[in-house]
C-alpha atoms as a PDB file:
ATOM      1  CA  MET A   1     130.296 -96.989  96.163  1.00  0.00           C
ATOM      2  CA  SER A   2     128.437 -93.703  96.415  1.00  0.00           C
ATOM      3  CA  ASP A   3     129.653 -90.652  94.543  1.00  0.00           C
ATOM      4  CA  PHE A   4     132.549 -89.191  96.546  1.00  0.00           C
ATOM      5  CA  SER A   5     131.816 -85.600  95.566  1.00  0.00           C
ATOM      6  CA  SER A   6     128.431 -85.736  97.329  1.00  0.00           C
ATOM      7  CA  VAL A   7     130.001 -87.356 100.386  1.00  0.00           C
ATOM      8  CA  LEU A   8     132.580 -84.580 100.658  1.00  0.00           C
ATOM      9  CA  ASN A   9     129.798 -82.017 100.774  1.00  0.00           C
ATOM     10  CA  ASP A  10     128.147 -83.713 103.762  1.00  0.00           C
ATOM     11  CA  SER A  11     129.272 -81.488 106.663  1.00  0.00           C
ATOM     12  CA  ARG A  12     127.766 -83.953 109.153  1.00  0.00           C
ATOM     13  CA  ALA A  13     130.173 -86.683 108.046  1.00  0.00           C
ATOM     14  CA  PHE A  14     133.155 -84.358 107.598  1.00  0.00           C
ATOM     15  CA  PRO A  15     132.985 -81.535 110.179  1.00  0.00           C
ATOM     16  CA  PHE A  16     136.675 -80.733 109.610  1.00  0.00           C
ATOM     17  CA  GLU A  17     135.908 -79.399 106.111  1.00  0.00           C
ATOM     18  CA  GLY A  18     136.804 -75.722 105.972  1.00  0.00           C
ATOM     19  CA  LEU A  19     139.285 -75.775 108.858  1.00  0.00           C
ATOM     20  CA  PRO A  20     142.557 -74.070 107.892  1.00  0.00           C
ATOM     21  CA  ALA A  21     144.612 -77.127 108.849  1.00  0.00           C
ATOM     22  CA  TRP A  22     142.406 -79.350 106.678  1.00  0.00           C
ATOM     23  CA  GLU A  23     142.728 -76.972 103.735  1.00  0.00           C
ATOM     24  CA  SER A  24     146.499 -77.353 104.110  1.00  0.00           C
ATOM     25  CA  VAL A  25     146.119 -81.143 103.979  1.00  0.00           C
ATOM     26  CA  LYS A  26     144.179 -80.984 100.719  1.00  0.00           C
ATOM     27  CA  ASP A  27     146.618 -78.462  99.297  1.00  0.00           C
ATOM     28  CA  ALA A  28     149.529 -80.816  99.991  1.00  0.00           C
ATOM     29  CA  PHE A  29     147.842 -83.570  97.977  1.00  0.00           C
ATOM     30  CA  ARG A  30     147.046 -81.175  95.138  1.00  0.00           C
ATOM     31  CA  LYS A  31     150.716 -80.176  94.991  1.00  0.00           C
ATOM     32  CA  GLY A  32     151.976 -83.738  95.359  1.00  0.00           C
ATOM     33  CA  ALA A  33     153.821 -82.818  98.577  1.00  0.00           C
ATOM     34  CA  VAL A  34     152.701 -85.967 100.411  1.00  0.00           C
ATOM     35  CA  PRO A  35     154.852 -87.295 103.283  1.00  0.00           C
ATOM     36  CA  HIS A  36     155.387 -91.023 103.682  1.00  0.00           C
ATOM     37  CA  CYS A  37     154.170 -90.780 107.298  1.00  0.00           C
ATOM     38  CA  TRP A  38     151.292 -88.511 108.306  1.00  0.00           C
ATOM     39  CA  ALA A  39     149.953 -88.257 111.865  1.00  0.00           C
ATOM     40  CA  VAL A  40     146.583 -86.564 112.314  1.00  0.00           C
ATOM     41  CA  LYS A  41     145.308 -85.585 115.744  1.00  0.00           C
ATOM     42  CA  ALA A  42     141.570 -84.908 115.870  1.00  0.00           C
ATOM     43  CA  PRO A  43     138.462 -85.620 117.975  1.00  0.00           C
ATOM     44  CA  LEU A  44     137.668 -89.337 117.934  1.00  0.00           C
ATOM     45  CA  GLU A  45     134.276 -88.820 116.292  1.00  0.00           C
ATOM     46  CA  TRP A  46     136.063 -87.361 113.259  1.00  0.00           C
ATOM     47  CA  HIS A  47     138.307 -90.390 112.671  1.00  0.00           C
ATOM     48  CA  GLY A  48     135.863 -92.305 110.485  1.00  0.00           C
ATOM     49  CA  GLY A  49     135.484 -89.383 108.121  1.00  0.00           C
ATOM     50  CA  LEU A  50     139.230 -88.715 108.133  1.00  0.00           C
ATOM     51  CA  LEU A  51     139.997 -92.324 107.261  1.00  0.00           C
ATOM     52  CA  LYS A  52     137.495 -92.228 104.407  1.00  0.00           C
ATOM     53  CA  VAL A  53     138.725 -88.946 102.938  1.00  0.00           C
ATOM     54  CA  MET A  54     142.473 -89.264 103.510  1.00  0.00           C
ATOM     55  CA  SER A  55     142.686 -92.836 102.220  1.00  0.00           C
ATOM     56  CA  ARG A  56     141.087 -91.665  98.974  1.00  0.00           C
ATOM     57  CA  LEU A  57     143.478 -88.730  98.784  1.00  0.00           C
ATOM     58  CA  PHE A  58     146.492 -91.004  99.328  1.00  0.00           C
ATOM     59  CA  LEU A  59     145.383 -93.544  96.717  1.00  0.00           C
ATOM     60  CA  CYS A  60     144.026 -91.166  94.059  1.00  0.00           C
ATOM     61  CA  GLY A  61     146.327 -90.648  91.120  1.00  0.00           C
ATOM     62  CA  SER A  62     145.358 -86.983  90.764  1.00  0.00           C
ATOM     63  CA  GLY A  63     145.504 -86.181  94.492  1.00  0.00           C
ATOM     64  CA  SER A  64     141.890 -84.993  94.489  1.00  0.00           C
ATOM     65  CA  GLY A  65     140.352 -88.006  96.226  1.00  0.00           C
ATOM     66  CA  ASP A  66     137.438 -87.891  93.827  1.00  0.00           C
ATOM     67  CA  SER A  67     136.375 -90.581  91.374  1.00  0.00           C
ATOM     68  CA  CYS A  68     138.650 -89.261  88.633  1.00  0.00           C
ATOM     69  CA  GLY A  69     138.881 -92.559  86.764  1.00  0.00           C
ATOM     70  CA  CYS A  70     142.471 -93.363  87.785  1.00  0.00           C
ATOM     71  CA  GLY A  71     143.457 -96.850  88.890  1.00  0.00           C
ATOM     72  CA  GLY A  72     143.409 -95.861  92.558  1.00  0.00           C
ATOM     73  CA  CYS A  73     139.869 -94.490  92.400  1.00  0.00           C
ATOM     74  CA  MET A  74     138.680 -97.515  90.425  1.00  0.00           C
ATOM     75  CA  GLY A  75     140.037 -99.867  93.089  1.00  0.00           C
ATOM     76  CA  TRP A  76     137.478 -99.080  95.809  1.00  0.00           C
ATOM     77  CA  SER A  77     134.859-101.665  96.757  1.00  0.00           C
ATOM     78  CA  ARG A  78     131.862-101.672  99.077  1.00  0.00           C
ATOM     79  CA  GLU A  79     132.077-100.326 102.611  1.00  0.00           C
ATOM     80  CA  ASP A  80     132.422-102.764 105.489  1.00  0.00           C
ATOM     81  CA  GLU A  81     130.493-102.715 108.770  1.00  0.00           C
ATOM     82  CA  ARG A  82     132.690 -99.844 110.047  1.00  0.00           C
ATOM     83  CA  GLY A  83     131.794 -97.702 107.053  1.00  0.00           C
ATOM     84  CA  VAL A  84     135.273 -98.247 105.582  1.00  0.00           C
ATOM     85  CA  SER A  85     135.609 -99.148 101.905  1.00  0.00           C
ATOM     86  CA  SER A  86     138.172-101.828 101.107  1.00  0.00           C
ATOM     87  CA  HIS A  87     140.944-101.273  98.603  1.00  0.00           C
ATOM     88  CA  PRO A  88     143.644-103.712  97.481  1.00  0.00           C
ATOM     89  CA  ASP A  89     146.338-101.127  98.278  1.00  0.00           C
ATOM     90  CA  MET A  90     145.091-100.185 101.768  1.00  0.00           C
ATOM     91  CA  VAL A  91     145.693-102.010 105.043  1.00  0.00           C
ATOM     92  CA  VAL A  92     143.866-100.895 108.204  1.00  0.00           C
ATOM     93  CA  VAL A  93     145.343-102.105 111.484  1.00  0.00           C
ATOM     94  CA  GLY A  94     143.218-101.789 114.623  1.00  0.00           C
ATOM     95  CA  GLU A  95     139.935-100.046 115.351  1.00  0.00           C
ATOM     96  CA  PHE A  96     138.998 -96.449 116.050  1.00  0.00           C
ATOM     97  CA  GLU A  97     139.192 -96.945 119.812  1.00  0.00           C
ATOM     98  CA  LYS A  98     141.585 -99.903 119.947  1.00  0.00           C
ATOM     99  CA  ALA A  99     145.085 -99.979 118.511  1.00  0.00           C
ATOM    100  CA  GLY A 100     146.395-102.975 116.593  1.00  0.00           C
ATOM    101  CA  ASN A 101     148.812-105.397 118.218  1.00  0.00           C
ATOM    102  CA  ILE A 102     152.378-106.183 117.204  1.00  0.00           C
ATOM    103  CA  ASP A 103     151.391-109.153 115.032  1.00  0.00           C
ATOM    104  CA  ALA A 104     148.930-107.010 113.058  1.00  0.00           C
ATOM    105  CA  CYS A 105     151.581-104.300 112.623  1.00  0.00           C
ATOM    106  CA  ARG A 106     154.121-106.823 111.357  1.00  0.00           C
ATOM    107  CA  SER A 107     151.575-108.242 108.924  1.00  0.00           C
ATOM    108  CA  MET A 108     150.859-104.737 107.627  1.00  0.00           C
ATOM    109  CA  ILE A 109     154.583-104.090 107.118  1.00  0.00           C
ATOM    110  CA  LYS A 110     154.839-107.204 104.933  1.00  0.00           C
ATOM    111  CA  GLU A 111     151.829-106.134 102.882  1.00  0.00           C
ATOM    112  CA  LEU A 112     153.188-102.623 102.387  1.00  0.00           C
ATOM    113  CA  SER A 113     156.408-104.065 100.986  1.00  0.00           C
ATOM    114  CA  LEU A 114     154.434-105.493  98.034  1.00  0.00           C
ATOM    115  CA  LYS A 115     153.967-103.489  94.868  1.00  0.00           C
ATOM    116  CA  PRO A 116     150.673-101.567  94.503  1.00  0.00           C
ATOM    117  CA  VAL A 117     147.834-103.403  92.782  1.00  0.00           C
ATOM    118  CA  ALA A 118     145.641-100.545  91.530  1.00  0.00           C
ATOM    119  CA  ALA A 119     147.058 -97.250  92.818  1.00  0.00           C
ATOM    120  CA  SER A 120     150.523 -95.736  92.658  1.00  0.00           C
ATOM    121  CA  ARG A 121     150.881 -96.106  96.439  1.00  0.00           C
ATOM    122  CA  ARG A 122     150.128 -98.588  99.184  1.00  0.00           C
ATOM    123  CA  LEU A 123     148.683 -97.158 102.400  1.00  0.00           C
ATOM    124  CA  GLY A 124     148.818 -98.465 105.950  1.00  0.00           C
ATOM    125  CA  VAL A 125     146.296 -96.873 108.325  1.00  0.00           C
ATOM    126  CA  LEU A 126     146.634 -97.099 112.094  1.00  0.00           C
ATOM    127  CA  PRO A 127     143.566 -95.813 113.978  1.00  0.00           C
ATOM    128  CA  ALA A 128     144.133 -95.175 117.703  1.00  0.00           C
ATOM    129  CA  ALA A 129     147.848 -94.785 116.960  1.00  0.00           C
ATOM    130  CA  ASP A 130     148.322 -92.923 120.243  1.00  0.00           C
ATOM    131  CA  LYS A 131     147.252 -96.128 122.042  1.00  0.00           C
ATOM    132  CA  LEU A 132     149.781 -98.433 120.395  1.00  0.00           C
ATOM    133  CA  LEU A 133     151.711-100.511 122.910  1.00  0.00           C
ATOM    134  CA  VAL A 134     155.446 -99.863 122.914  1.00  0.00           C
ATOM    135  CA  ASN A 135     156.372-103.137 121.218  1.00  0.00           C
ATOM    136  CA  ALA A 136     153.817-102.571 118.455  1.00  0.00           C
ATOM    137  CA  ALA A 137     154.944 -98.969 117.949  1.00  0.00           C
ATOM    138  CA  ASN A 138     158.599-100.002 117.885  1.00  0.00           C
ATOM    139  CA  SER A 139     157.877-102.541 115.158  1.00  0.00           C
ATOM    140  CA  LEU A 140     156.923 -99.633 112.885  1.00  0.00           C
ATOM    141  CA  LEU A 141     160.114 -97.625 113.342  1.00  0.00           C
ATOM    142  CA  LYS A 142     162.038 -99.151 110.447  1.00  0.00           C
ATOM    143  CA  ILE A 143     159.276 -98.715 107.864  1.00  0.00           C
ATOM    144  CA  ALA A 144     158.605 -95.196 109.184  1.00  0.00           C
ATOM    145  CA  GLU A 145     162.315 -94.372 108.790  1.00  0.00           C
ATOM    146  CA  GLU A 146     162.995 -96.172 105.486  1.00  0.00           C
ATOM    147  CA  PRO A 147     159.676 -97.000 103.802  1.00  0.00           C
ATOM    148  CA  PRO A 148     159.420 -98.567 100.347  1.00  0.00           C
ATOM    149  CA  SER A 149     159.104 -95.784  97.768  1.00  0.00           C
ATOM    150  CA  HIS A 150     155.441 -96.684  97.197  1.00  0.00           C
ATOM    151  CA  ALA A 151     154.374 -97.046 100.849  1.00  0.00           C
ATOM    152  CA  CYS A 152     152.740 -94.477 103.142  1.00  0.00           C
ATOM    153  CA  LEU A 153     151.508 -94.595 106.737  1.00  0.00           C
ATOM    154  CA  LEU A 154     148.557 -92.691 108.229  1.00  0.00           C
ATOM    155  CA  PHE A 155     148.367 -92.419 112.019  1.00  0.00           C
ATOM    156  CA  LEU A 156     144.993 -91.320 113.439  1.00  0.00           C
ATOM    157  CA  MET A 157     145.003 -90.245 117.070  1.00  0.00           C
ATOM    158  CA  GLU A 158     142.969 -88.400 119.637  1.00  0.00           C
ATOM    159  CA  GLY A 159     145.649 -87.768 122.260  1.00  0.00           C
ATOM    160  CA  ASN A 160     149.381 -87.136 122.444  1.00  0.00           C
ATOM    161  CA  GLY A 161     150.474 -90.715 123.154  1.00  0.00           C
ATOM    162  CA  LEU A 162     152.113 -91.508 119.812  1.00  0.00           C
ATOM    163  CA  LEU A 163     155.640 -92.809 120.399  1.00  0.00           C
ATOM    164  CA  PRO A 164     157.967 -89.775 120.071  1.00  0.00           C
ATOM    165  CA  THR A 165     160.271 -91.619 117.675  1.00  0.00           C
ATOM    166  CA  LEU A 166     157.293 -92.270 115.376  1.00  0.00           C
ATOM    167  CA  ARG A 167     156.016 -88.714 115.689  1.00  0.00           C
ATOM    168  CA  SER A 168     159.449 -87.339 114.779  1.00  0.00           C
ATOM    169  CA  ARG A 169     159.268 -89.314 111.522  1.00  0.00           C
ATOM    170  CA  SER A 170     155.788 -88.024 110.676  1.00  0.00           C
ATOM    171  CA  ARG A 171     154.144 -84.832 109.532  1.00  0.00           C
ATOM    172  CA  LEU A 172     151.738 -83.828 112.293  1.00  0.00           C
ATOM    173  CA  THR A 173     148.420 -82.137 111.548  1.00  0.00           C
ATOM    174  CA  VAL A 174     146.141 -81.046 114.392  1.00  0.00           C
ATOM    175  CA  LEU A 175     142.455 -80.629 113.577  1.00  0.00           C
ATOM    176  CA  ALA A 176     140.282 -78.967 116.187  1.00  0.00           C
ATOM    177  CA  ALA A 177     136.778 -77.577 116.206  1.00  0.00           C
ATOM    178  CA  PRO A 178     136.916 -73.877 115.267  1.00  0.00           C
ATOM    179  CA  LEU A 179     136.287 -71.301 117.934  1.00  0.00           C
ATOM    180  CA  SER A 180     133.259 -69.147 117.190  1.00  0.00           C
ATOM    181  CA  PHE A 181     134.641 -65.623 117.265  1.00  0.00           C
ATOM    182  CA  ALA A 182     133.855 -62.729 114.968  1.00  0.00           C
ATOM    183  CA  ALA A 183     136.308 -62.100 112.151  1.00  0.00           C
ATOM    184  CA  ARG A 184     138.773 -59.256 112.686  1.00  0.00           C
ATOM    185  CA  PRO A 185     141.450 -58.039 110.263  1.00  0.00           C
ATOM    186  CA  MET A 186     145.079 -58.676 111.121  1.00  0.00           C
ATOM    187  CA  PRO A 187     147.474 -55.680 111.096  1.00  0.00           C
ATOM    188  CA  VAL A 188     149.078 -55.273 107.677  1.00  0.00           C
ATOM    189  CA  ASP A 189     151.566 -52.382 107.979  1.00  0.00           C
ATOM    190  CA  GLU A 190     153.946 -50.764 110.478  1.00  0.00           C
ATOM    191  CA  ALA A 191     151.377 -48.288 111.799  1.00  0.00           C
ATOM    192  CA  GLN A 192     148.723 -50.962 112.358  1.00  0.00           C
ATOM    193  CA  TRP A 193     151.175 -53.287 114.091  1.00  0.00           C
ATOM    194  CA  ALA A 194     152.355 -50.465 116.325  1.00  0.00           C
ATOM    195  CA  GLY A 195     148.749 -49.674 117.198  1.00  0.00           C
ATOM    196  CA  TRP A 196     148.025 -53.319 117.957  1.00  0.00           C
ATOM    197  CA  LEU A 197     151.076 -53.657 120.204  1.00  0.00           C
ATOM    198  CA  SER A 198     150.151 -50.533 122.180  1.00  0.00           C
ATOM    199  CA  SER A 199     146.546 -51.674 122.662  1.00  0.00           C
ATOM    200  CA  PHE A 200     147.168 -55.370 123.406  1.00  0.00           C
ATOM    201  CA  LYS A 201     145.994 -55.855 126.980  1.00  0.00           C
ATOM    202  CA  ASP A 202     147.150 -58.346 129.578  1.00  0.00           C
ATOM    203  CA  ASN A 203     143.598 -59.666 129.901  1.00  0.00           C
ATOM    204  CA  GLU A 204     143.062 -60.159 126.147  1.00  0.00           C
ATOM    205  CA  ASP A 205     142.570 -63.784 125.141  1.00  0.00           C
ATOM    206  CA  PRO A 206     145.234 -64.696 122.527  1.00  0.00           C
ATOM    207  CA  ALA A 207     143.168 -67.673 121.320  1.00  0.00           C
ATOM    208  CA  GLU A 208     140.199 -65.389 120.637  1.00  0.00           C
ATOM    209  CA  LEU A 209     142.442 -62.877 118.886  1.00  0.00           C
ATOM    210  CA  LEU A 210     144.067 -65.472 116.608  1.00  0.00           C
ATOM    211  CA  SER A 211     140.741 -67.162 115.900  1.00  0.00           C
ATOM    212  CA  SER A 212     139.286 -63.830 114.785  1.00  0.00           C
ATOM    213  CA  TRP A 213     142.283 -63.264 112.494  1.00  0.00           C
ATOM    214  CA  THR A 214     141.958 -66.819 111.161  1.00  0.00           C
ATOM    215  CA  SER A 215     138.276 -66.268 110.382  1.00  0.00           C
ATOM    216  CA  ARG A 216     139.044 -63.064 108.468  1.00  0.00           C
ATOM    217  CA  LEU A 217     141.844 -64.739 106.472  1.00  0.00           C
ATOM    218  CA  LEU A 218     139.480 -67.556 105.525  1.00  0.00           C
ATOM    219  CA  GLN A 219     136.881 -65.023 104.385  1.00  0.00           C
ATOM    220  CA  THR A 220     139.471 -63.422 102.105  1.00  0.00           C
ATOM    221  CA  GLY A 221     140.531 -66.785 100.681  1.00  0.00           C
ATOM    222  CA  ASP A 222     143.993 -66.844 102.312  1.00  0.00           C
ATOM    223  CA  THR A 223     143.904 -70.469 103.493  1.00  0.00           C
ATOM    224  CA  GLU A 224     147.679 -70.644 103.917  1.00  0.00           C
ATOM    225  CA  GLY A 225     147.715 -67.599 106.183  1.00  0.00           C
ATOM    226  CA  ALA A 226     144.703 -68.934 108.088  1.00  0.00           C
ATOM    227  CA  ALA A 227     146.443 -72.269 108.656  1.00  0.00           C
ATOM    228  CA  ARG A 228     149.507 -70.438 109.971  1.00  0.00           C
ATOM    229  CA  THR A 229     147.562 -68.335 112.481  1.00  0.00           C
ATOM    230  CA  ASP A 230     145.608 -71.396 113.609  1.00  0.00           C
ATOM    231  CA  ARG A 231     148.859 -73.313 114.222  1.00  0.00           C
ATOM    232  CA  LEU A 232     150.079 -70.367 116.284  1.00  0.00           C
ATOM    233  CA  ARG A 233     146.879 -70.473 118.329  1.00  0.00           C
ATOM    234  CA  LEU A 234     147.412 -74.170 119.089  1.00  0.00           C
ATOM    235  CA  LEU A 235     151.052 -73.593 119.954  1.00  0.00           C
ATOM    236  CA  ILE A 236     150.285 -70.724 122.338  1.00  0.00           C
ATOM    237  CA  GLU A 237     147.596 -72.765 124.093  1.00  0.00           C
ATOM    238  CA  GLN A 238     149.878 -75.792 124.455  1.00  0.00           C
ATOM    239  CA  LYS A 239     153.012 -73.884 125.541  1.00  0.00           C
ATOM    240  CA  LYS A 240     151.162 -71.508 127.913  1.00  0.00           C
ATOM    241  CA  LEU A 241     153.275 -68.516 126.875  1.00  0.00           C
ATOM    242  CA  SER A 242     153.212 -65.193 128.708  1.00  0.00           C
ATOM    243  CA  GLN A 243     151.577 -62.145 127.132  1.00  0.00           C
ATOM    244  CA  THR A 244     155.002 -60.588 126.465  1.00  0.00           C
ATOM    245  CA  MET A 245     156.223 -63.749 124.742  1.00  0.00           C
ATOM    246  CA  ILE A 246     152.986 -63.909 122.731  1.00  0.00           C
ATOM    247  CA  CYS A 247     153.454 -60.322 121.518  1.00  0.00           C
ATOM    248  CA  ASP A 248     157.027 -61.089 120.482  1.00  0.00           C
ATOM    249  CA  LEU A 249     156.019 -64.348 118.794  1.00  0.00           C
ATOM    250  CA  LEU A 250     153.168 -62.818 116.798  1.00  0.00           C
ATOM    251  CA  THR A 251     155.286 -59.863 115.746  1.00  0.00           C
ATOM    252  CA  LEU A 252     158.165 -62.044 114.565  1.00  0.00           C
ATOM    253  CA  THR A 253     156.084 -64.713 112.848  1.00  0.00           C
ATOM    254  CA  LEU A 254     153.193 -62.716 111.390  1.00  0.00           C
ATOM    255  CA  LYS A 255     154.671 -59.249 110.919  1.00  0.00           C
ATOM    256  CA  GLU A 256     158.265 -60.250 110.084  1.00  0.00           C
ATOM    257  CA  GLU A 257     157.148 -63.621 108.603  1.00  0.00           C
ATOM    258  CA  LEU A 258     159.870 -65.626 110.346  1.00  0.00           C
ATOM    259  CA  PRO A 259     159.188 -69.404 110.411  1.00  0.00           C
ATOM    260  CA  PHE A 260     158.244 -70.616 113.870  1.00  0.00           C
ATOM    261  CA  GLU A 261     158.088 -74.368 113.136  1.00  0.00           C
ATOM    262  CA  PRO A 262     161.886 -74.956 113.578  1.00  0.00           C
ATOM    263  CA  ILE A 263     161.814 -73.191 116.945  1.00  0.00           C
ATOM    264  CA  PHE A 264     158.973 -75.365 118.271  1.00  0.00           C
ATOM    265  CA  GLY A 265     159.750 -78.439 116.178  1.00  0.00           C
ATOM    266  CA  GLY A 266     159.060 -80.861 119.022  1.00  0.00           C
ATOM    267  CA  PHE A 267     155.476 -79.670 119.310  1.00  0.00           C
ATOM    268  CA  TRP A 268     154.672 -80.342 115.659  1.00  0.00           C
END
């Protein structure tokens, strides 16, 4: 296996590196705040890199995904024809453009019930999870609801077709190519917010505005704030909110720092 540190630095293989949402993913592993079910929506061409990186993060004892010398990192073997390394504690069901069937899902469930061999966790990966047939998706409900303490599931998807009952049991992360807008500072005090509200025009693009704020937050090292503004951008684009609602939402969530996730829980 090649050195993982050098692979991580290959922006061609991992174009999601540097995105605010991806920084939040890595931060969760560093803190040990890892959900038992994680659904990641991203462009299909990113799925190979996501599988490679996230499987190492899930199975690494330190949460870094690097070759730290732990049992999980020592358990990797050579890559297969898909570019996926095998690991005794990882089960991959399906292909990047074709979801696994119900028999494969049931087989994975049995394997995940076994104790880990090398790592502290066992990981089931389901590429094309948004294309799972209903019977296959339903077979995963019990393990998604009450997984063994050592078992985790990773759903990779391009669209929004993941069964709602599975999505409700998962943490959802959306990775999208960054918009190329110049960085602009976000208002930081009452006077600046008042000025922004008075100058916000009906024809101003909220996605461009939030992307410019996200870029500035990344430049200052505030990855958590950047992830928050980027999630707001995605929410506004998906919900098609009016300009008045956008002003209210940004004021409440960014100025007053009220959590917006519970309000729009179904989206996430």
